[in-house]
């Protein structure tokens, strides 16, 4: 399952830096994960300082 970023996102970019496949990009007010690119590794969730990333 792909990961998703909730509205708790503070747009710090820590998750995008850790994504090994480049599935995370800045969206409108928060970062977003491309579900088709995400490999469900969880590297992004481990880096989120506000726990805004979870499995869908």
N, C-alpha and C. Protein backbone atom coordinates (compact mmCIF):
# COMPACT_ATOMS: atom_id res chain seq x y z
N UNK A 1 0.83 -1.19 0.00
CA UNK A 1 0.00 0.00 0.00
C UNK A 1 0.87 1.25 0.00
N UNK A 2 0.42 2.25 -0.66
CA UNK A 2 1.14 3.51 -0.72
C UNK A 2 0.93 4.30 0.57
N UNK A 3 1.85 5.20 0.83
CA UNK A 3 1.73 6.09 1.97
C UNK A 3 1.03 7.37 1.53
N UNK A 4 0.40 8.05 2.48
CA UNK A 4 -0.27 9.32 2.21
C UNK A 4 0.15 10.33 3.27
N UNK A 5 0.07 11.61 2.91
CA UNK A 5 0.43 12.69 3.81
C UNK A 5 -0.85 13.42 4.21
N UNK A 6 -1.07 13.56 5.51
CA UNK A 6 -2.29 14.21 6.01
C UNK A 6 -2.14 15.73 6.03
N UNK A 7 -3.21 16.38 6.40
CA UNK A 7 -3.21 17.85 6.49
C UNK A 7 -2.35 18.36 7.64
N UNK A 8 -1.81 17.48 8.47
CA UNK A 8 -0.91 17.88 9.55
C UNK A 8 0.46 18.28 9.00
N UNK A 9 0.72 18.02 7.74
CA UNK A 9 2.00 18.32 7.10
C UNK A 9 2.36 19.81 7.29
N UNK A 10 3.62 20.06 7.69
CA UNK A 10 4.10 21.43 7.89
C UNK A 10 5.02 21.87 6.73
N UNK A 11 5.06 21.10 5.66
CA UNK A 11 5.84 21.41 4.46
C UNK A 11 7.32 21.63 4.72
N UNK A 12 7.91 20.82 5.59
CA UNK A 12 9.34 20.96 5.90
C UNK A 12 10.22 20.33 4.83
N UNK A 13 9.70 19.33 4.10
CA UNK A 13 10.46 18.69 3.03
C UNK A 13 11.34 17.53 3.47
N UNK A 14 11.34 17.20 4.74
CA UNK A 14 12.18 16.10 5.23
C UNK A 14 11.84 14.79 4.55
N UNK A 15 10.57 14.56 4.29
CA UNK A 15 10.13 13.32 3.66
C UNK A 15 10.64 13.20 2.23
N UNK A 16 10.56 14.28 1.49
CA UNK A 16 10.96 14.27 0.08
C UNK A 16 12.45 13.96 -0.06
N UNK A 17 13.24 14.44 0.87
CA UNK A 17 14.69 14.19 0.84
C UNK A 17 15.01 12.73 1.06
N UNK A 18 14.16 12.00 1.77
CA UNK A 18 14.41 10.60 2.09
C UNK A 18 13.82 9.60 1.11
N UNK A 19 12.93 10.05 0.23
CA UNK A 19 12.28 9.12 -0.70
C UNK A 19 13.26 8.61 -1.75
N UNK A 20 13.49 7.28 -1.80
CA UNK A 20 14.46 6.73 -2.74
C UNK A 20 14.00 6.72 -4.19
N UNK A 21 12.69 6.92 -4.42
CA UNK A 21 12.19 6.88 -5.79
C UNK A 21 11.61 8.22 -6.25
N UNK A 22 11.75 9.26 -5.44
CA UNK A 22 11.28 10.58 -5.84
C UNK A 22 9.78 10.70 -5.97
N UNK A 23 9.04 9.99 -5.12
CA UNK A 23 7.59 9.99 -5.21
C UNK A 23 6.93 11.17 -4.49
N UNK A 24 7.71 11.98 -3.78
CA UNK A 24 7.14 13.06 -2.96
C UNK A 24 7.52 14.41 -3.55
N UNK A 25 6.51 15.27 -3.67
CA UNK A 25 6.74 16.62 -4.19
C UNK A 25 5.86 17.62 -3.44
N UNK A 26 6.24 18.89 -3.54
CA UNK A 26 5.47 19.95 -2.89
C UNK A 26 4.13 20.11 -3.59
N UNK A 27 3.08 20.14 -2.79
CA UNK A 27 1.75 20.34 -3.33
C UNK A 27 1.21 21.68 -2.88
N UNK A 28 -0.07 21.81 -2.89
CA UNK A 28 -0.73 23.05 -2.49
C UNK A 28 -0.90 23.07 -0.98
N UNK A 29 0.05 23.66 -0.26
CA UNK A 29 -0.03 23.76 1.19
C UNK A 29 0.57 22.60 1.96
N UNK A 30 0.90 21.51 1.27
CA UNK A 30 1.53 20.37 1.92
C UNK A 30 2.21 19.52 0.84
N UNK A 31 3.06 18.62 1.27
CA UNK A 31 3.71 17.71 0.33
C UNK A 31 2.74 16.59 -0.04
N UNK A 32 2.95 15.99 -1.21
CA UNK A 32 2.08 14.93 -1.69
C UNK A 32 2.92 13.75 -2.18
N UNK A 33 2.35 12.56 -2.06
CA UNK A 33 3.02 11.34 -2.51
C UNK A 33 2.30 10.79 -3.73
N UNK A 34 3.06 10.54 -4.79
CA UNK A 34 2.51 9.94 -6.01
C UNK A 34 2.31 8.44 -5.73
N UNK A 35 1.07 8.02 -5.64
CA UNK A 35 0.75 6.63 -5.30
C UNK A 35 1.30 5.63 -6.31
N UNK A 36 1.42 6.03 -7.56
CA UNK A 36 1.92 5.11 -8.59
C UNK A 36 3.43 4.92 -8.50
N UNK A 37 4.11 5.87 -7.91
CA UNK A 37 5.57 5.81 -7.79
C UNK A 37 6.01 5.24 -6.45
N UNK A 38 5.23 5.46 -5.41
CA UNK A 38 5.57 5.04 -4.05
C UNK A 38 5.79 3.52 -3.99
N UNK A 39 6.88 3.12 -3.32
CA UNK A 39 7.19 1.69 -3.18
C UNK A 39 6.90 1.19 -1.76
N UNK A 40 6.24 2.01 -0.95
CA UNK A 40 5.82 1.65 0.41
C UNK A 40 6.97 1.24 1.31
N UNK A 41 8.10 1.92 1.18
CA UNK A 41 9.27 1.57 2.00
C UNK A 41 9.19 2.17 3.40
N UNK A 42 8.45 3.27 3.57
CA UNK A 42 8.30 3.89 4.88
C UNK A 42 9.39 4.85 5.28
N UNK A 43 10.36 5.08 4.41
CA UNK A 43 11.46 5.99 4.74
C UNK A 43 10.95 7.40 5.03
N UNK A 44 9.93 7.81 4.32
CA UNK A 44 9.36 9.15 4.51
C UNK A 44 8.71 9.28 5.88
N UNK A 45 7.93 8.28 6.28
CA UNK A 45 7.21 8.33 7.54
C UNK A 45 8.17 8.41 8.72
N UNK A 46 9.29 7.74 8.60
CA UNK A 46 10.28 7.75 9.68
C UNK A 46 10.91 9.12 9.86
N UNK A 47 10.91 9.95 8.83
CA UNK A 47 11.53 11.26 8.89
C UNK A 47 10.57 12.39 9.23
N UNK A 48 9.29 12.15 9.20
CA UNK A 48 8.30 13.22 9.42
C UNK A 48 8.28 13.66 10.88
N UNK A 49 8.59 14.94 11.16
CA UNK A 49 8.64 15.41 12.55
C UNK A 49 7.27 15.58 13.20
N UNK A 50 6.19 15.58 12.41
CA UNK A 50 4.85 15.75 12.96
C UNK A 50 3.96 14.53 12.74
N UNK A 51 4.55 13.42 12.34
CA UNK A 51 3.83 12.15 12.11
C UNK A 51 2.63 12.32 11.18
N UNK A 52 2.83 13.05 10.09
CA UNK A 52 1.76 13.32 9.13
C UNK A 52 1.68 12.28 8.02
N UNK A 53 2.55 11.27 8.05
CA UNK A 53 2.58 10.28 6.97
C UNK A 53 2.22 8.90 7.52
N UNK A 54 1.27 8.24 6.84
CA UNK A 54 0.83 6.91 7.26
C UNK A 54 0.48 6.08 6.04
N UNK A 55 0.41 4.77 6.22
CA UNK A 55 -0.03 3.91 5.13
C UNK A 55 -1.49 4.16 4.84
N UNK A 56 -1.82 4.13 3.58
CA UNK A 56 -3.20 4.37 3.14
C UNK A 56 -4.10 3.24 3.57
